[in-house]
Amino acid sequence: MKRRTETFASVWDALADSPEQAASLRARAELMRQIVRIIKANGWTQTEAARRCGISQPRANDLLHERISRFSLDALVIIAAALGRRVSVSLKAKAA
């Protein structure tokens, strides 16, 4: 019995059920990575990060462990704003 191997353009395409979901995962992952970078660069504990982000300590734990499925894009934008950052969005044409 031969198995069929599927290939994907990215890990997000492999995880998502649709190209739209993959795009959401990609955007959330990038924003989350940038927020985590800010927290780590400042050397904040989870408790301090939670306070500065306006979230609970368990939620900060999820953030620092990059549990993407637990955060909407809206929630991440609000966290970024709490850290004094402005989020900008750009659209790019899909590669053919």
Protein backbone atom coordinates (compact mmCIF):
# COMPACT_ATOMS: atom_id res chain seq x y z
CA MET A 1 0.00 0.00 0.00
CA LYS A 2 1.56 3.24 -1.16
CA ARG A 3 0.99 6.43 0.82
CA ARG A 4 0.32 9.66 -0.97
CA THR A 5 2.59 12.49 0.16
CA GLU A 6 1.19 15.97 0.16
CA THR A 7 3.40 19.04 -0.05
CA PHE A 8 2.48 22.52 1.10
CA ALA A 9 3.87 25.98 0.46
CA SER A 10 4.11 26.64 4.20
CA VAL A 11 3.41 25.06 7.56
CA TRP A 12 0.34 27.32 7.84
CA ASP A 13 -1.07 25.89 4.62
CA ALA A 14 -0.58 22.39 6.04
CA LEU A 15 -2.33 23.22 9.32
CA ALA A 16 -5.24 25.23 7.95
CA ASP A 17 -8.39 23.98 6.26
CA SER A 18 -8.41 26.83 3.74
CA PRO A 19 -6.11 29.49 2.29
CA GLU A 20 -8.05 32.09 4.31
CA GLN A 21 -7.36 30.27 7.58
CA ALA A 22 -3.69 29.90 6.61
CA ALA A 23 -3.48 33.66 6.02
CA SER A 24 -4.99 34.33 9.46
CA LEU A 25 -2.55 31.92 11.13
CA ARG A 26 0.36 33.56 9.32
CA ALA A 27 -0.66 37.08 10.40
CA ARG A 28 -1.34 36.03 14.01
CA ALA A 29 1.97 34.17 14.23
CA GLU A 30 3.97 37.15 12.97
CA LEU A 31 2.26 39.61 15.31
CA MET A 32 2.66 37.22 18.24
CA ARG A 33 6.38 36.76 17.49
CA GLN A 34 6.88 40.52 17.52
CA ILE A 35 5.03 40.93 20.83
CA VAL A 36 7.05 38.11 22.41
CA ARG A 37 10.25 39.77 21.14
CA ILE A 38 9.28 43.01 22.90
CA ILE A 39 8.56 41.19 26.17
CA LYS A 40 11.82 39.25 26.07
CA ALA A 41 13.88 42.28 25.05
CA ASN A 42 12.59 44.07 28.15
CA GLY A 43 13.29 41.07 30.39
CA TRP A 44 9.78 41.10 31.84
CA THR A 45 8.52 38.23 33.94
CA GLN A 46 5.19 36.67 32.97
CA THR A 47 3.54 38.68 35.72
CA GLU A 48 5.06 41.95 34.50
CA ALA A 49 4.27 41.10 30.88
CA ALA A 50 0.67 40.33 31.82
CA ARG A 51 0.32 43.66 33.63
CA ARG A 52 1.82 45.64 30.75
CA CYS A 53 -0.24 43.77 28.14
CA GLY A 54 -3.48 44.10 30.08
CA ILE A 55 -4.01 40.33 30.28
CA SER A 56 -3.98 37.66 33.00
CA GLN A 57 -0.80 35.80 33.92
CA PRO A 58 -2.09 32.49 32.47
CA ARG A 59 -2.86 34.37 29.24
CA ALA A 60 0.68 35.80 29.27
CA ASN A 61 1.95 32.23 29.58
CA ASP A 62 -0.03 31.28 26.45
CA LEU A 63 1.38 34.31 24.67
CA LEU A 64 4.99 33.60 25.63
CA HIS A 65 4.61 29.97 24.57
CA GLU A 66 3.19 31.23 21.25
CA ARG A 67 -0.06 29.30 21.47
CA ILE A 68 -1.50 30.92 18.36
CA SER A 69 -4.85 29.14 18.49
CA ARG A 70 -5.67 30.90 21.77
CA PHE A 71 -5.46 34.43 20.35
CA SER A 72 -7.50 36.21 17.73
CA LEU A 73 -5.91 38.85 15.55
CA ASP A 74 -8.03 41.44 17.41
CA ALA A 75 -6.68 40.30 20.79
CA LEU A 76 -3.10 40.55 19.55
CA VAL A 77 -3.68 44.04 18.14
CA ILE A 78 -5.07 45.12 21.53
CA ILE A 79 -2.02 43.66 23.30
CA ALA A 80 0.32 45.45 20.89
CA ALA A 81 -1.52 48.72 21.55
CA ALA A 82 -1.20 48.17 25.31
CA LEU A 83 2.56 47.94 24.72
CA GLY A 84 2.49 51.29 22.95
CA ARG A 85 2.77 49.83 19.47
CA ARG A 86 0.71 50.57 16.39
CA VAL A 87 -0.08 47.66 14.10
CA SER A 88 -0.09 48.25 10.38
CA VAL A 89 -1.36 45.86 7.74
CA SER A 90 -0.21 45.53 4.17
CA LEU A 91 -1.62 43.49 1.35
CA LYS A 92 0.57 41.73 -1.17
CA ALA A 93 -0.41 40.03 -4.37
CA LYS A 94 -0.28 36.26 -4.08
CA ALA A 95 2.65 34.73 -5.93
CA ALA A 96 1.53 32.91 -9.04
